[in-house]
Amino acid sequence: MAYAVIARYHCAADDEATVRGALLKVREHTRAEPANLAYEVHTEVGETGSFVLYEQYADQAGFEAHKAASHFKELIVETVWPLLVDRSVTFAEVL
């Protein structure tokens, strides 16, 4: 069963360009992963520094492999997460 991840990231306005750039780089790498079915980066209308990510993987193991990838560590864990003022993540199974 396909596994979905919906993440909401919020950063300060001064960090928005850095976060945006890192998320777009992650998108390029993630879309090349064997288990990735979708990876979309959105900005919230009227909300400076707010991003919504929609990710879909063949299964939960595919998501775990994504989290173990070097680009996830470099761009998400080390670049994006330290700049966030708020973060929420929802995990779901696709019906």
PDB file of N, CA and C in Angstrom:
ATOM      1  N   MET A   1       0.840  -1.178   0.000  1.00  0.00           N
ATOM      2  CA  MET A   1       0.000   0.000   0.000  1.00  0.00           C
ATOM      3  C   MET A   1       0.886   1.243   0.000  1.00  0.00           C
ATOM      4  N   ALA A   2       0.556   2.206  -0.841  1.00  0.00           N
ATOM      5  CA  ALA A   2       1.334   3.439  -0.938  1.00  0.00           C
ATOM      6  C   ALA A   2       1.288   4.203   0.382  1.00  0.00           C
ATOM      7  N   TYR A   3       2.370   4.886   0.668  1.00  0.00           N
ATOM      8  CA  TYR A   3       2.571   5.592   1.927  1.00  0.00           C
ATOM      9  C   TYR A   3       2.768   7.071   1.613  1.00  0.00           C
ATOM     10  N   ALA A   4       2.006   7.928   2.267  1.00  0.00           N
ATOM     11  CA  ALA A   4       2.072   9.368   2.001  1.00  0.00           C
ATOM     12  C   ALA A   4       2.579  10.122   3.221  1.00  0.00           C
ATOM     13  N   VAL A   5       3.252  11.223   2.948  1.00  0.00           N
ATOM     14  CA  VAL A   5       3.759  12.107   3.989  1.00  0.00           C
ATOM     15  C   VAL A   5       3.343  13.522   3.618  1.00  0.00           C
ATOM     16  N   ILE A   6       2.690  14.213   4.555  1.00  0.00           N
ATOM     17  CA  ILE A   6       2.322  15.613   4.362  1.00  0.00           C
ATOM     18  C   ILE A   6       3.031  16.398   5.460  1.00  0.00           C
ATOM     19  N   ALA A   7       3.948  17.264   5.066  1.00  0.00           N
ATOM     20  CA  ALA A   7       4.720  18.033   6.043  1.00  0.00           C
ATOM     21  C   ALA A   7       4.442  19.512   5.871  1.00  0.00           C
ATOM     22  N   ARG A   8       4.340  20.206   6.987  1.00  0.00           N
ATOM     23  CA  ARG A   8       4.189  21.654   6.995  1.00  0.00           C
ATOM     24  C   ARG A   8       5.413  22.237   7.697  1.00  0.00           C
ATOM     25  N   TYR A   9       6.108  23.112   6.986  1.00  0.00           N
ATOM     26  CA  TYR A   9       7.310  23.752   7.510  1.00  0.00           C
ATOM     27  C   TYR A   9       7.083  25.256   7.558  1.00  0.00           C
ATOM     28  N   HIS A  10       7.509  25.881   8.650  1.00  0.00           N
ATOM     29  CA  HIS A  10       7.415  27.339   8.787  1.00  0.00           C
ATOM     30  C   HIS A  10       8.771  27.873   9.237  1.00  0.00           C
ATOM     31  N   CYS A  11       9.260  28.864   8.504  1.00  0.00           N
ATOM     32  CA  CYS A  11      10.541  29.488   8.840  1.00  0.00           C
ATOM     33  C   CYS A  11      10.361  30.998   8.870  1.00  0.00           C
ATOM     34  N   ALA A  12      11.357  31.683   9.411  1.00  0.00           N
ATOM     35  CA  ALA A  12      11.359  33.145   9.415  1.00  0.00           C
ATOM     36  C   ALA A  12      11.489  33.652   7.981  1.00  0.00           C
ATOM     37  N   ALA A  13      10.950  34.811   7.728  1.00  0.00           N
ATOM     38  CA  ALA A  13      11.012  35.405   6.382  1.00  0.00           C
ATOM     39  C   ALA A  13      12.444  35.507   5.867  1.00  0.00           C
ATOM     40  N   ASP A  14      13.388  35.805   6.748  1.00  0.00           N
ATOM     41  CA  ASP A  14      14.793  35.936   6.350  1.00  0.00           C
ATOM     42  C   ASP A  14      15.392  34.618   5.865  1.00  0.00           C
ATOM     43  N   ASP A  15      14.804  33.494   6.271  1.00  0.00           N
ATOM     44  CA  ASP A  15      15.324  32.176   5.900  1.00  0.00           C
ATOM     45  C   ASP A  15      14.553  31.519   4.754  1.00  0.00           C
ATOM     46  N   GLU A  16      13.518  32.194   4.272  1.00  0.00           N
ATOM     47  CA  GLU A  16      12.642  31.593   3.266  1.00  0.00           C
ATOM     48  C   GLU A  16      13.390  31.166   1.998  1.00  0.00           C
ATOM     49  N   ALA A  17      14.260  31.977   1.479  1.00  0.00           N
ATOM     50  CA  ALA A  17      14.976  31.646   0.238  1.00  0.00           C
ATOM     51  C   ALA A  17      15.880  30.427   0.432  1.00  0.00           C
ATOM     52  N   THR A  18      16.534  30.332   1.559  1.00  0.00           N
ATOM     53  CA  THR A  18      17.398  29.183   1.836  1.00  0.00           C
ATOM     54  C   THR A  18      16.585  27.909   1.940  1.00  0.00           C
ATOM     55  N   VAL A  19      15.479  27.964   2.679  1.00  0.00           N
ATOM     56  CA  VAL A  19      14.621  26.789   2.834  1.00  0.00           C
ATOM     57  C   VAL A  19      14.036  26.394   1.481  1.00  0.00           C
ATOM     58  N   ARG A  20      13.534  27.337   0.734  1.00  0.00           N
ATOM     59  CA  ARG A  20      12.966  27.056  -0.585  1.00  0.00           C
ATOM     60  C   ARG A  20      14.001  26.374  -1.484  1.00  0.00           C
ATOM     61  N   GLY A  21      15.188  26.918  -1.544  1.00  0.00           N
ATOM     62  CA  GLY A  21      16.231  26.346  -2.390  1.00  0.00           C
ATOM     63  C   GLY A  21      16.576  24.921  -1.994  1.00  0.00           C
ATOM     64  N   ALA A  22      16.693  24.661  -0.699  1.00  0.00           N
ATOM     65  CA  ALA A  22      17.006  23.303  -0.225  1.00  0.00           C
ATOM     66  C   ALA A  22      15.869  22.341  -0.555  1.00  0.00           C
ATOM     67  N   LEU A  23      14.624  22.771  -0.366  1.00  0.00           N
ATOM     68  CA  LEU A  23      13.482  21.895  -0.666  1.00  0.00           C
ATOM     69  C   LEU A  23      13.418  21.550  -2.153  1.00  0.00           C
ATOM     70  N   LEU A  24      13.728  22.500  -3.004  1.00  0.00           N
ATOM     71  CA  LEU A  24      13.704  22.224  -4.443  1.00  0.00           C
ATOM     72  C   LEU A  24      14.833  21.272  -4.847  1.00  0.00           C
ATOM     73  N   LYS A  25      15.986  21.373  -4.180  1.00  0.00           N
ATOM     74  CA  LYS A  25      17.071  20.422  -4.446  1.00  0.00           C
ATOM     75  C   LYS A  25      16.692  19.025  -3.969  1.00  0.00           C
ATOM     76  N   VAL A  26      16.072  18.948  -2.796  1.00  0.00           N
ATOM     77  CA  VAL A  26      15.621  17.644  -2.281  1.00  0.00           C
ATOM     78  C   VAL A  26      14.621  17.020  -3.245  1.00  0.00           C
ATOM     79  N   ARG A  27      13.741  17.854  -3.788  1.00  0.00           N
ATOM     80  CA  ARG A  27      12.748  17.343  -4.743  1.00  0.00           C
ATOM     81  C   ARG A  27      13.429  16.646  -5.916  1.00  0.00           C
ATOM     82  N   GLU A  28      14.469  17.253  -6.462  1.00  0.00           N
ATOM     83  CA  GLU A  28      15.188  16.645  -7.593  1.00  0.00           C
ATOM     84  C   GLU A  28      15.741  15.267  -7.228  1.00  0.00           C
ATOM     85  N   HIS A  29      16.400  15.185  -6.092  1.00  0.00           N
ATOM     86  CA  HIS A  29      16.997  13.915  -5.658  1.00  0.00           C
ATOM     87  C   HIS A  29      15.923  12.874  -5.328  1.00  0.00           C
ATOM     88  N   THR A  30      14.890  13.302  -4.624  1.00  0.00           N
ATOM     89  CA  THR A  30      13.860  12.369  -4.164  1.00  0.00           C
ATOM     90  C   THR A  30      13.090  11.771  -5.326  1.00  0.00           C
ATOM     91  N   ARG A  31      12.796  12.553  -6.326  1.00  0.00           N
ATOM     92  CA  ARG A  31      12.055  12.022  -7.474  1.00  0.00           C
ATOM     93  C   ARG A  31      12.824  10.936  -8.216  1.00  0.00           C
ATOM     94  N   ALA A  32      14.123  10.860  -8.000  1.00  0.00           N
ATOM     95  CA  ALA A  32      14.944   9.816  -8.630  1.00  0.00           C
ATOM     96  C   ALA A  32      15.040   8.545  -7.778  1.00  0.00           C
ATOM     97  N   GLU A  33      14.508   8.580  -6.560  1.00  0.00           N
ATOM     98  CA  GLU A  33      14.544   7.402  -5.692  1.00  0.00           C
ATOM     99  C   GLU A  33      13.593   6.336  -6.239  1.00  0.00           C
ATOM    100  N   PRO A  34      13.988   5.066  -6.187  1.00  0.00           N
ATOM    101  CA  PRO A  34      13.162   3.995  -6.772  1.00  0.00           C
ATOM    102  C   PRO A  34      11.749   3.888  -6.194  1.00  0.00           C
ATOM    103  N   ALA A  35      11.579   4.138  -4.899  1.00  0.00           N
ATOM    104  CA  ALA A  35      10.264   3.970  -4.275  1.00  0.00           C
ATOM    105  C   ALA A  35       9.425   5.243  -4.269  1.00  0.00           C
ATOM    106  N   ASN A  36       9.967   6.357  -4.760  1.00  0.00           N
ATOM    107  CA  ASN A  36       9.217   7.609  -4.744  1.00  0.00           C
ATOM    108  C   ASN A  36       8.199   7.650  -5.866  1.00  0.00           C
ATOM    109  N   LEU A  37       6.961   7.975  -5.499  1.00  0.00           N
ATOM    110  CA  LEU A  37       5.874   8.110  -6.483  1.00  0.00           C
ATOM    111  C   LEU A  37       5.524   9.573  -6.734  1.00  0.00           C
ATOM    112  N   ALA A  38       5.778  10.430  -5.751  1.00  0.00           N
ATOM    113  CA  ALA A  38       5.473  11.862  -5.900  1.00  0.00           C
ATOM    114  C   ALA A  38       6.222  12.646  -4.830  1.00  0.00           C
ATOM    115  N   TYR A  39       6.644  13.846  -5.188  1.00  0.00           N
ATOM    116  CA  TYR A  39       7.259  14.763  -4.225  1.00  0.00           C
ATOM    117  C   TYR A  39       6.960  16.170  -4.713  1.00  0.00           C
ATOM    118  N   GLU A  40       6.039  16.830  -4.034  1.00  0.00           N
ATOM    119  CA  GLU A  40       5.618  18.174  -4.432  1.00  0.00           C
ATOM    120  C   GLU A  40       5.916  19.165  -3.321  1.00  0.00           C
ATOM    121  N   VAL A  41       6.442  20.307  -3.703  1.00  0.00           N
ATOM    122  CA  VAL A  41       6.740  21.382  -2.761  1.00  0.00           C
ATOM    123  C   VAL A  41       5.782  22.524  -3.058  1.00  0.00           C
ATOM    124  N   HIS A  42       5.088  22.996  -2.026  1.00  0.00           N
ATOM    125  CA  HIS A  42       4.118  24.091  -2.184  1.00  0.00           C
ATOM    126  C   HIS A  42       4.467  25.207  -1.198  1.00  0.00           C
ATOM    127  N   THR A  43       4.083  26.421  -1.547  1.00  0.00           N
ATOM    128  CA  THR A  43       4.106  27.517  -0.579  1.00  0.00           C
ATOM    129  C   THR A  43       2.661  27.845  -0.248  1.00  0.00           C
ATOM    130  N   GLU A  44       2.427  28.222   1.004  1.00  0.00           N
ATOM    131  CA  GLU A  44       1.075  28.594   1.402  1.00  0.00           C
ATOM    132  C   GLU A  44       0.799  30.021   0.936  1.00  0.00           C
ATOM    133  N   VAL A  45      -0.329  30.220   0.277  1.00  0.00           N
ATOM    134  CA  VAL A  45      -0.712  31.538  -0.223  1.00  0.00           C
ATOM    135  C   VAL A  45      -0.900  32.499   0.960  1.00  0.00           C
ATOM    136  N   GLY A  46      -0.224  33.627   0.871  1.00  0.00           N
ATOM    137  CA  GLY A  46      -0.376  34.657   1.888  1.00  0.00           C
ATOM    138  C   GLY A  46       0.359  34.383   3.187  1.00  0.00           C
ATOM    139  N   GLU A  47       1.189  33.351   3.240  1.00  0.00           N
ATOM    140  CA  GLU A  47       1.911  32.994   4.459  1.00  0.00           C
ATOM    141  C   GLU A  47       3.411  32.961   4.164  1.00  0.00           C
ATOM    142  N   THR A  48       4.100  34.034   4.418  1.00  0.00           N
ATOM    143  CA  THR A  48       5.542  34.100   4.192  1.00  0.00           C
ATOM    144  C   THR A  48       6.253  33.040   5.024  1.00  0.00           C
ATOM    145  N   GLY A  49       7.147  32.301   4.402  1.00  0.00           N
ATOM    146  CA  GLY A  49       7.936  31.304   5.109  1.00  0.00           C
ATOM    147  C   GLY A  49       7.221  30.004   5.395  1.00  0.00           C
ATOM    148  N   SER A  50       6.076  29.773   4.755  1.00  0.00           N
ATOM    149  CA  SER A  50       5.299  28.551   5.009  1.00  0.00           C
ATOM    150  C   SER A  50       5.312  27.651   3.779  1.00  0.00           C
ATOM    151  N   PHE A  51       5.649  26.384   4.007  1.00  0.00           N
ATOM    152  CA  PHE A  51       5.733  25.393   2.936  1.00  0.00           C
ATOM    153  C   PHE A  51       4.908  24.164   3.305  1.00  0.00           C
ATOM    154  N   VAL A  52       4.339  23.543   2.292  1.00  0.00           N
ATOM    155  CA  VAL A  52       3.637  22.273   2.459  1.00  0.00           C
ATOM    156  C   VAL A  52       4.271  21.288   1.485  1.00  0.00           C
ATOM    157  N   LEU A  53       4.689  20.145   2.008  1.00  0.00           N
ATOM    158  CA  LEU A  53       5.278  19.100   1.178  1.00  0.00           C
ATOM    159  C   LEU A  53       4.304  17.941   1.102  1.00  0.00           C
ATOM    160  N   TYR A  54       4.103  17.413  -0.104  1.00  0.00           N
ATOM    161  CA  TYR A  54       3.331  16.189  -0.273  1.00  0.00           C
ATOM    162  C   TYR A  54       4.258  15.165  -0.904  1.00  0.00           C
ATOM    163  N   GLU A  55       4.455  14.069  -0.185  1.00  0.00           N
ATOM    164  CA  GLU A  55       5.345  13.014  -0.654  1.00  0.00           C
ATOM    165  C   GLU A  55       4.568  11.700  -0.697  1.00  0.00           C
ATOM    166  N   GLN A  56       4.873  10.874  -1.674  1.00  0.00           N
ATOM    167  CA  GLN A  56       4.240   9.558  -1.747  1.00  0.00           C
ATOM    168  C   GLN A  56       5.300   8.533  -2.159  1.00  0.00           C
ATOM    169  N   TYR A  57       5.283   7.414  -1.451  1.00  0.00           N
ATOM    170  CA  TYR A  57       6.244   6.333  -1.670  1.00  0.00           C
ATOM    171  C   TYR A  57       5.490   5.030  -1.891  1.00  0.00           C
ATOM    172  N   ALA A  58       6.135   4.064  -2.517  1.00  0.00           N
ATOM    173  CA  ALA A  58       5.504   2.768  -2.783  1.00  0.00           C
ATOM    174  C   ALA A  58       5.049   2.104  -1.486  1.00  0.00           C
ATOM    175  N   ASP A  59       5.799   2.322  -0.421  1.00  0.00           N
ATOM    176  CA  ASP A  59       5.462   1.743   0.884  1.00  0.00           C
ATOM    177  C   ASP A  59       6.266   2.472   1.958  1.00  0.00           C
ATOM    178  N   GLN A  60       6.039   2.120   3.212  1.00  0.00           N
ATOM    179  CA  GLN A  60       6.736   2.780   4.304  1.00  0.00           C
ATOM    180  C   GLN A  60       8.244   2.540   4.232  1.00  0.00           C
ATOM    181  N   ALA A  61       8.647   1.376   3.767  1.00  0.00           N
ATOM    182  CA  ALA A  61      10.074   1.082   3.616  1.00  0.00           C
ATOM    183  C   ALA A  61      10.725   2.057   2.631  1.00  0.00           C
ATOM    184  N   GLY A  62       9.989   2.447   1.606  1.00  0.00           N
ATOM    185  CA  GLY A  62      10.503   3.431   0.651  1.00  0.00           C
ATOM    186  C   GLY A  62      10.743   4.778   1.313  1.00  0.00           C
ATOM    187  N   PHE A  63       9.844   5.157   2.217  1.00  0.00           N
ATOM    188  CA  PHE A  63      10.036   6.410   2.961  1.00  0.00           C
ATOM    189  C   PHE A  63      11.237   6.301   3.891  1.00  0.00           C
ATOM    190  N   GLU A  64      11.392   5.164   4.540  1.00  0.00           N
ATOM    191  CA  GLU A  64      12.540   4.963   5.433  1.00  0.00           C
ATOM    192  C   GLU A  64      13.846   5.048   4.645  1.00  0.00           C
ATOM    193  N   ALA A  65      13.854   4.501   3.434  1.00  0.00           N
ATOM    194  CA  ALA A  65      15.044   4.596   2.571  1.00  0.00           C
ATOM    195  C   ALA A  65      15.318   6.058   2.211  1.00  0.00           C
ATOM    196  N   HIS A  66      14.259   6.822   1.968  1.00  0.00           N
ATOM    197  CA  HIS A  66      14.403   8.254   1.677  1.00  0.00           C
ATOM    198  C   HIS A  66      15.073   8.969   2.848  1.00  0.00           C
ATOM    199  N   LYS A  67      14.616   8.683   4.065  1.00  0.00           N
ATOM    200  CA  LYS A  67      15.190   9.325   5.245  1.00  0.00           C
ATOM    201  C   LYS A  67      16.655   8.942   5.465  1.00  0.00           C
ATOM    202  N   ALA A  68      17.058   7.792   4.954  1.00  0.00           N
ATOM    203  CA  ALA A  68      18.446   7.333   5.110  1.00  0.00           C
ATOM    204  C   ALA A  68      19.375   7.882   4.019  1.00  0.00           C
ATOM    205  N   ALA A  69      18.806   8.544   3.002  1.00  0.00           N
ATOM    206  CA  ALA A  69      19.603   9.050   1.879  1.00  0.00           C
ATOM    207  C   ALA A  69      20.484  10.226   2.307  1.00  0.00           C
ATOM    208  N   SER A  70      21.641  10.342   1.709  1.00  0.00           N
ATOM    209  CA  SER A  70      22.569  11.417   2.063  1.00  0.00           C
ATOM    210  C   SER A  70      21.982  12.799   1.768  1.00  0.00           C
ATOM    211  N   HIS A  71      21.204  12.923   0.697  1.00  0.00           N
ATOM    212  CA  HIS A  71      20.617  14.229   0.390  1.00  0.00           C
ATOM    213  C   HIS A  71      19.586  14.649   1.436  1.00  0.00           C
ATOM    214  N   PHE A  72      18.885  13.686   2.060  1.00  0.00           N
ATOM    215  CA  PHE A  72      17.935  14.012   3.128  1.00  0.00           C
ATOM    216  C   PHE A  72      18.697  14.589   4.323  1.00  0.00           C
ATOM    217  N   LYS A  73      19.779  13.929   4.686  1.00  0.00           N
ATOM    218  CA  LYS A  73      20.568  14.405   5.830  1.00  0.00           C
ATOM    219  C   LYS A  73      21.133  15.797   5.552  1.00  0.00           C
ATOM    220  N   GLU A  74      21.747  15.960   4.402  1.00  0.00           N
ATOM    221  CA  GLU A  74      22.398  17.232   4.076  1.00  0.00           C
ATOM    222  C   GLU A  74      21.402  18.385   3.933  1.00  0.00           C
ATOM    223  N   LEU A  75      20.340  18.158   3.174  1.00  0.00           N
ATOM    224  CA  LEU A  75      19.447  19.258   2.835  1.00  0.00           C
ATOM    225  C   LEU A  75      18.284  19.450   3.804  1.00  0.00           C
ATOM    226  N   ILE A  76      17.767  18.378   4.378  1.00  0.00           N
ATOM    227  CA  ILE A  76      16.647  18.517   5.313  1.00  0.00           C
ATOM    228  C   ILE A  76      17.150  18.618   6.751  1.00  0.00           C
ATOM    229  N   VAL A  77      17.840  17.588   7.208  1.00  0.00           N
ATOM    230  CA  VAL A  77      18.262  17.549   8.613  1.00  0.00           C
ATOM    231  C   VAL A  77      19.237  18.673   8.946  1.00  0.00           C
ATOM    232  N   GLU A  78      20.217  18.902   8.086  1.00  0.00           N
ATOM    233  CA  GLU A  78      21.264  19.875   8.408  1.00  0.00           C
ATOM    234  C   GLU A  78      21.003  21.292   7.904  1.00  0.00           C
ATOM    235  N   THR A  79      20.181  21.446   6.877  1.00  0.00           N
ATOM    236  CA  THR A  79      19.945  22.777   6.311  1.00  0.00           C
ATOM    237  C   THR A  79      18.568  23.327   6.679  1.00  0.00           C
ATOM    238  N   VAL A  80      17.506  22.560   6.372  1.00  0.00           N
ATOM    239  CA  VAL A  80      16.140  23.069   6.570  1.00  0.00           C
ATOM    240  C   VAL A  80      15.725  23.043   8.039  1.00  0.00           C
ATOM    241  N   TRP A  81      15.787  21.891   8.682  1.00  0.00           N
ATOM    242  CA  TRP A  81      15.255  21.786  10.044  1.00  0.00           C
ATOM    243  C   TRP A  81      15.803  22.812  11.022  1.00  0.00           C
ATOM    244  N   PRO A  82      17.096  23.133  11.001  1.00  0.00           N
ATOM    245  CA  PRO A  82      17.575  24.142  11.956  1.00  0.00           C
ATOM    246  C   PRO A  82      16.975  25.538  11.741  1.00  0.00           C
ATOM    247  N   LEU A  83      16.450  25.805  10.553  1.00  0.00           N
ATOM    248  CA  LEU A  83      15.883  27.115  10.254  1.00  0.00           C
ATOM    249  C   LEU A  83      14.384  27.207  10.533  1.00  0.00           C
ATOM    250  N   LEU A  84      13.765  26.113  10.889  1.00  0.00           N
ATOM    251  CA  LEU A  84      12.314  26.110  11.086  1.00  0.00           C
ATOM    252  C   LEU A  84      11.925  26.609  12.468  1.00  0.00           C
ATOM    253  N   VAL A  85      10.816  27.355  12.496  1.00  0.00           N
ATOM    254  CA  VAL A  85      10.225  27.777  13.764  1.00  0.00           C
ATOM    255  C   VAL A  85       9.069  26.870  14.140  1.00  0.00           C
ATOM    256  N   ASP A  86       8.571  26.108  13.161  1.00  0.00           N
ATOM    257  CA  ASP A  86       7.487  25.148  13.418  1.00  0.00           C
ATOM    258  C   ASP A  86       7.516  24.091  12.326  1.00  0.00           C
ATOM    259  N   ARG A  87       7.149  22.883  12.732  1.00  0.00           N
ATOM    260  CA  ARG A  87       7.133  21.769  11.768  1.00  0.00           C
ATOM    261  C   ARG A  87       6.101  20.763  12.237  1.00  0.00           C
ATOM    262  N   SER A  88       5.269  20.291  11.315  1.00  0.00           N
ATOM    263  CA  SER A  88       4.338  19.205  11.624  1.00  0.00           C
ATOM    264  C   SER A  88       4.348  18.224  10.448  1.00  0.00           C
ATOM    265  N   VAL A  89       4.164  16.956  10.773  1.00  0.00           N
ATOM    266  CA  VAL A  89       4.192  15.917   9.750  1.00  0.00           C
ATOM    267  C   VAL A  89       3.034  14.956   9.996  1.00  0.00           C
ATOM    268  N   THR A  90       2.339  14.607   8.907  1.00  0.00           N
ATOM    269  CA  THR A  90       1.265  13.626   8.954  1.00  0.00           C
ATOM    270  C   THR A  90       1.649  12.467   8.047  1.00  0.00           C
ATOM    271  N   PHE A  91       1.470  11.248   8.556  1.00  0.00           N
ATOM    272  CA  PHE A  91       1.741  10.037   7.778  1.00  0.00           C
ATOM    273  C   PHE A  91       0.405   9.380   7.455  1.00  0.00           C
ATOM    274  N   ALA A  92       0.269   8.891   6.225  1.00  0.00           N
ATOM    275  CA  ALA A  92      -1.017   8.312   5.818  1.00  0.00           C
ATOM    276  C   ALA A  92      -0.809   7.168   4.818  1.00  0.00           C
ATOM    277  N   GLU A  93      -1.772   6.272   4.797  1.00  0.00           N
ATOM    278  CA  GLU A  93      -1.800   5.230   3.776  1.00  0.00           C
ATOM    279  C   GLU A  93      -2.769   5.656   2.696  1.00  0.00           C
ATOM    280  N   VAL A  94      -2.371   5.504   1.455  1.00  0.00           N
ATOM    281  CA  VAL A  94      -3.211   5.903   0.329  1.00  0.00           C
ATOM    282  C   VAL A  94      -4.272   4.830   0.109  1.00  0.00           C
ATOM    283  N   LEU A  95      -5.515   5.241   0.023  1.00  0.00           N
ATOM    284  CA  LEU A  95      -6.614   4.283  -0.199  1.00  0.00           C
ATOM    285  C   LEU A  95      -6.780   3.959  -1.654  1.00  0.00           C
TER     286      LEU A  95
END
